[in-house]
């Protein structure tokens, strides 16, 4: 009875299931029931909202966006808010490392924002072809030493935003050679290991930042812009969908993910 910002029938993503005596879940998105938090109603009623910031991301989707598109938009909103935090502008030269859903989402968000076309270094031929179709300026194979060397030769010292969507120490380190003065290695992929060793010889005026987890308030702030992009046909979430399965076929779905299909 104290809820103020949700109506029965609203479409909301990122519902959660907290750990309790019966269940344990990282998020809870695959559960039959989940919790949505009315953060602003709690704050207005003087409640402690320090552990309720998830409610800032749990926003209502407008008419015209269905559940399939909304599910994909979780990643698109994460990427949109990360781009804001990376302070990417039309003047930047961007190299994406990786060819998974995040890298492809970055190409779509970059197109929506009117950013210059980005170059991509990947490994999966299927998704690399998708990246090219989605407007990457060029696509290069990380598995071909000759092709990778040619990319470095052309862009050494010229990249202002090197975005690593993989997060391995080696993919992070290789960004140093590409960086322009004041360039930044932006690590989006979840890191591997508990330590990162970077060679510093000859390095001047550069940075490394980690963007490995959405900031609830900033992802929430991206909601309206991303929804508007979809409704105005400037952003098409379904370009990221390869398969559409009923929930009963979840095991098949996880197998497709495992096999990089």
Protein backbone atom coordinates (compact mmCIF):
# COMPACT_ATOMS: atom_id res chain seq x y z
CA UNK A 1 0.00 0.00 0.00
CA UNK A 2 3.01 2.32 0.25
CA UNK A 3 4.16 1.78 -3.35
CA UNK A 4 3.91 4.98 -5.41
CA UNK A 5 5.80 4.45 -8.68
CA UNK A 6 4.60 1.09 -9.99
CA UNK A 7 1.24 -0.11 -11.27
CA UNK A 8 0.00 -3.66 -11.68
CA UNK A 9 0.96 -4.80 -15.18
CA UNK A 10 4.07 -2.59 -15.50
CA UNK A 11 7.01 -4.12 -17.37
CA UNK A 12 10.13 -3.90 -15.21
CA UNK A 13 13.50 -5.66 -15.55
CA UNK A 14 16.20 -6.50 -12.98
CA UNK A 15 13.81 -7.89 -10.38
CA UNK A 16 15.80 -9.67 -7.69
CA UNK A 17 15.53 -12.49 -5.19
CA UNK A 18 17.52 -11.94 -2.01
CA UNK A 19 19.34 -14.77 -0.33
CA UNK A 20 17.28 -16.33 2.44
CA UNK A 21 16.79 -19.64 4.21
CA UNK A 22 15.21 -21.18 1.10
CA UNK A 23 16.89 -19.54 -1.91
CA UNK A 24 20.27 -18.21 -2.98
CA UNK A 25 20.56 -16.17 -6.14
CA UNK A 26 22.95 -13.71 -7.75
CA UNK A 27 20.10 -11.68 -9.28
CA UNK A 28 16.97 -13.77 -9.54
CA UNK A 29 15.93 -12.87 -13.07
CA UNK A 30 15.06 -16.47 -13.94
CA UNK A 31 12.80 -16.91 -10.91
CA UNK A 32 9.04 -17.18 -11.17
CA UNK A 33 8.67 -14.25 -8.78
CA UNK A 34 11.04 -11.39 -8.00
CA UNK A 35 11.15 -8.23 -5.93
CA UNK A 36 11.02 -4.69 -7.34
CA UNK A 37 11.95 -1.86 -4.96
CA UNK A 38 10.18 1.52 -4.97
CA UNK A 39 13.34 3.44 -4.02
CA UNK A 40 11.84 6.92 -4.30
CA UNK A 41 8.80 6.03 -2.20
CA UNK A 42 11.11 4.63 0.47
CA UNK A 43 13.24 7.77 0.44
CA UNK A 44 10.17 10.03 0.65
CA UNK A 45 8.96 8.07 3.68
CA UNK A 46 12.29 8.51 5.46
CA UNK A 47 13.41 4.90 5.20
CA UNK A 48 17.04 3.81 4.95
CA UNK A 49 17.66 3.40 1.21
CA UNK A 50 21.41 2.68 1.41
CA UNK A 51 20.79 -0.99 0.59
CA UNK A 52 17.90 -0.34 -1.80
CA UNK A 53 19.73 1.39 -4.66
CA UNK A 54 18.87 -1.54 -6.96
CA UNK A 55 15.50 0.22 -7.18
CA UNK A 56 17.15 3.01 -9.17
CA UNK A 57 17.72 0.53 -12.02
CA UNK A 58 14.30 -1.11 -11.82
CA UNK A 59 12.47 1.26 -14.13
CA UNK A 60 9.15 0.89 -15.93
CA UNK A 61 9.33 0.38 -19.70
CA UNK A 62 6.94 2.49 -21.79
CA UNK A 63 4.32 1.11 -24.19
CA UNK A 64 5.91 0.07 -27.46
CA UNK A 65 8.70 -1.93 -25.83
CA UNK A 66 7.99 -5.59 -25.11
CA UNK A 67 9.67 -8.04 -22.74
CA UNK A 68 12.06 -9.44 -25.37
CA UNK A 69 13.45 -5.99 -26.22
CA UNK A 70 13.46 -4.96 -22.55
CA UNK A 71 15.60 -7.95 -21.55
CA UNK A 72 18.25 -7.03 -24.14
CA UNK A 73 18.10 -3.40 -23.05
CA UNK A 74 19.59 -4.34 -19.67
CA UNK A 75 22.96 -4.64 -21.41
CA UNK A 76 22.34 -1.63 -23.65
CA UNK A 77 21.62 0.57 -20.61
CA UNK A 78 24.72 -0.71 -18.84
CA UNK A 79 26.81 0.17 -21.88
CA UNK A 80 25.17 3.58 -22.31
CA UNK A 81 25.92 4.50 -18.71
CA UNK A 82 29.47 3.15 -19.01
CA UNK A 83 30.10 5.31 -22.09
CA UNK A 84 29.04 8.33 -20.05
CA UNK A 85 31.46 7.36 -17.29
CA UNK A 86 34.23 6.81 -19.86
CA UNK A 87 33.61 10.37 -21.11
CA UNK A 88 33.65 9.28 -24.75
CA UNK A 89 33.16 12.10 -27.24
CA UNK A 90 33.03 12.41 -31.05
CA UNK A 91 36.70 13.46 -30.94
CA UNK A 92 37.82 10.10 -29.51
CA UNK A 93 39.45 7.25 -31.40
CA UNK A 94 38.06 4.00 -29.97
CA UNK A 95 39.34 0.43 -30.21
CA UNK A 96 37.06 -2.32 -28.84
CA UNK A 97 38.65 -5.58 -27.70
CA UNK A 98 36.28 -8.55 -27.67
CA UNK A 99 33.32 -9.50 -29.84
CA UNK A 100 30.65 -10.63 -27.38
CA UNK A 101 27.28 -9.03 -26.54
CA UNK A 102 28.91 -6.10 -24.73
CA UNK A 103 31.16 -5.14 -27.64
CA UNK A 104 28.25 -5.45 -30.09
CA UNK A 105 26.09 -3.34 -27.76
CA UNK A 106 28.81 -0.70 -27.73
CA UNK A 107 28.68 -0.51 -31.52
CA UNK A 108 24.90 0.01 -31.43
CA UNK A 109 25.06 2.61 -28.64
CA UNK A 110 27.92 4.40 -30.39
CA UNK A 111 25.83 4.60 -33.56
CA UNK A 112 22.84 5.96 -31.61
CA UNK A 113 25.04 8.62 -29.97
CA UNK A 114 26.59 9.65 -33.27
CA UNK A 115 30.10 8.65 -32.23
CA UNK A 116 32.75 7.92 -34.87
CA UNK A 117 32.88 4.34 -36.07
CA UNK A 118 34.93 2.08 -33.79
CA UNK A 119 37.48 -0.56 -34.64
CA UNK A 120 37.20 -4.02 -33.16
CA UNK A 121 39.70 -6.76 -32.30
CA UNK A 122 38.03 -10.12 -31.76
CA UNK A 123 38.25 -13.90 -32.10
CA UNK A 124 34.82 -15.33 -32.98
CA UNK A 125 34.26 -15.25 -36.74
CA UNK A 126 30.47 -15.30 -36.36
CA UNK A 127 30.24 -12.30 -34.05
CA UNK A 128 33.07 -10.47 -35.83
CA UNK A 129 30.93 -10.63 -38.98
CA UNK A 130 28.03 -9.23 -36.94
CA UNK A 131 30.26 -6.41 -35.72
CA UNK A 132 31.09 -5.46 -39.29
CA UNK A 133 27.38 -5.53 -40.21
CA UNK A 134 26.63 -3.33 -37.18
CA UNK A 135 28.92 -0.60 -38.44
CA UNK A 136 32.40 -1.23 -37.04
CA UNK A 137 34.95 0.82 -38.98
CA UNK A 138 37.12 -2.29 -39.26
CA UNK A 139 37.27 -5.74 -37.69
CA UNK A 140 40.52 -7.57 -36.96
CA UNK A 141 41.37 -11.07 -35.75
CA UNK A 142 43.19 -11.40 -32.45
CA UNK A 143 44.13 -14.94 -33.54
CA UNK A 144 46.06 -13.80 -36.64
CA UNK A 145 49.46 -12.38 -35.60
CA UNK A 146 50.00 -10.70 -38.96
CA UNK A 147 46.60 -8.99 -38.89
CA UNK A 148 47.06 -7.93 -35.26
CA UNK A 149 50.54 -6.54 -35.99
CA UNK A 150 49.17 -4.53 -38.93
CA UNK A 151 46.49 -3.03 -36.67
CA UNK A 152 49.08 -2.03 -34.09
CA UNK A 153 51.38 -0.59 -36.73
CA UNK A 154 48.60 1.66 -38.03
CA UNK A 155 47.13 2.74 -34.67
CA UNK A 156 50.10 2.71 -32.31
CA UNK A 157 49.95 5.80 -30.12
CA UNK A 158 46.65 7.02 -31.64
CA UNK A 159 43.83 5.41 -29.62
CA UNK A 160 42.28 7.63 -26.96
CA UNK A 161 39.86 5.02 -25.57
CA UNK A 162 40.98 1.39 -25.57
CA UNK A 163 37.94 -0.53 -24.31
CA UNK A 164 38.63 -4.06 -23.10
CA UNK A 165 35.41 -6.08 -22.86
CA UNK A 166 37.36 -9.25 -21.99
CA UNK A 167 39.20 -8.33 -18.79
CA UNK A 168 42.22 -10.64 -19.04
CA UNK A 169 45.60 -9.29 -17.89
CA UNK A 170 47.01 -9.78 -21.38
CA UNK A 171 44.17 -7.94 -23.12
CA UNK A 172 44.52 -5.08 -20.64
CA UNK A 173 48.30 -4.85 -21.03
CA UNK A 174 48.25 -4.85 -24.81
CA UNK A 175 46.29 -1.61 -24.75
CA UNK A 176 49.34 0.38 -23.64
CA UNK A 177 50.95 0.25 -27.07
CA UNK A 178 47.83 1.67 -28.74
CA UNK A 179 47.35 4.64 -26.39
CA UNK A 180 47.59 8.23 -27.55
CA UNK A 181 48.82 10.87 -25.05
CA UNK A 182 46.26 11.05 -22.23
CA UNK A 183 44.63 7.92 -23.60
CA UNK A 184 42.77 5.59 -21.25
CA UNK A 185 42.49 1.81 -21.02
CA UNK A 186 38.84 1.25 -20.07
CA UNK A 187 38.36 -2.23 -18.62
CA UNK A 188 34.74 -3.35 -18.89
CA UNK A 189 35.23 -7.13 -18.84
CA UNK A 190 35.23 -8.77 -15.42
CA UNK A 191 38.85 -9.11 -14.36
CA UNK A 192 40.66 -12.43 -14.11
CA UNK A 193 42.82 -12.96 -11.04
CA UNK A 194 43.52 -10.75 -8.07
CA UNK A 195 46.57 -8.86 -9.36
CA UNK A 196 47.46 -6.87 -12.47
CA UNK A 197 51.07 -6.19 -13.45
CA UNK A 198 51.64 -3.39 -15.96
CA UNK A 199 55.00 -2.44 -17.50
CA UNK A 200 55.64 1.27 -16.94
CA UNK A 201 58.82 1.87 -18.92
CA UNK A 202 58.33 4.76 -21.30
CA UNK A 203 54.72 5.32 -20.24
CA UNK A 204 53.69 8.96 -19.81
CA UNK A 205 50.29 10.63 -19.46
CA UNK A 206 47.95 7.67 -19.64
CA UNK A 207 45.30 6.08 -17.49
CA UNK A 208 43.54 2.84 -16.67
CA UNK A 209 40.01 2.67 -15.26
CA UNK A 210 37.73 -0.22 -14.40
CA UNK A 211 34.04 -0.12 -15.34
CA UNK A 212 33.17 -3.63 -14.30
CA UNK A 213 29.95 -3.07 -12.43
CA UNK A 214 26.99 -0.78 -13.14
CA UNK A 215 26.50 2.16 -10.81
CA UNK A 216 22.83 1.85 -9.95
CA UNK A 217 21.98 5.55 -10.16
CA UNK A 218 23.82 6.06 -13.45
CA UNK A 219 22.30 3.04 -15.15
CA UNK A 220 18.90 4.20 -13.96
CA UNK A 221 19.58 7.62 -15.45
CA UNK A 222 20.24 5.97 -18.83
CA UNK A 223 16.78 4.39 -18.93
CA UNK A 224 14.84 7.18 -20.63
CA UNK A 225 17.49 7.94 -23.28
CA UNK A 226 17.81 4.28 -24.28
CA UNK A 227 14.03 3.78 -24.34
CA UNK A 228 13.67 6.89 -26.48
CA UNK A 229 16.31 5.57 -28.88
CA UNK A 230 14.37 2.32 -29.28
CA UNK A 231 11.00 4.01 -29.73
CA UNK A 232 12.45 6.45 -32.27
CA UNK A 233 14.02 3.55 -34.21
CA UNK A 234 17.56 4.83 -33.62
CA UNK A 235 18.41 1.71 -31.61
CA UNK A 236 17.28 -1.82 -32.42
CA UNK A 237 17.81 -4.28 -29.53
CA UNK A 238 16.71 -7.28 -31.59
CA UNK A 239 19.90 -7.05 -33.67
CA UNK A 240 21.61 -8.69 -30.69
CA UNK A 241 19.26 -11.70 -30.57
CA UNK A 242 20.36 -14.92 -32.27
CA UNK A 243 17.87 -17.34 -30.68
CA UNK A 244 14.53 -16.97 -28.91
CA UNK A 245 13.62 -19.88 -26.63
CA UNK A 246 10.81 -20.61 -24.17
CA UNK A 247 11.88 -20.67 -20.53
CA UNK A 248 11.32 -24.45 -20.46
CA UNK A 249 14.28 -24.79 -22.88
CA UNK A 250 16.67 -23.02 -20.54
CA UNK A 251 19.19 -25.89 -20.62
CA UNK A 252 19.38 -25.63 -24.41
CA UNK A 253 19.85 -21.88 -24.06
CA UNK A 254 22.77 -22.23 -21.64
CA UNK A 255 24.34 -24.81 -23.97
CA UNK A 256 24.12 -22.34 -26.87
CA UNK A 257 25.85 -19.72 -24.71
CA UNK A 258 28.53 -22.20 -23.65
CA UNK A 259 29.21 -23.13 -27.29
CA UNK A 260 29.36 -19.44 -28.30
CA UNK A 261 26.39 -19.78 -30.63
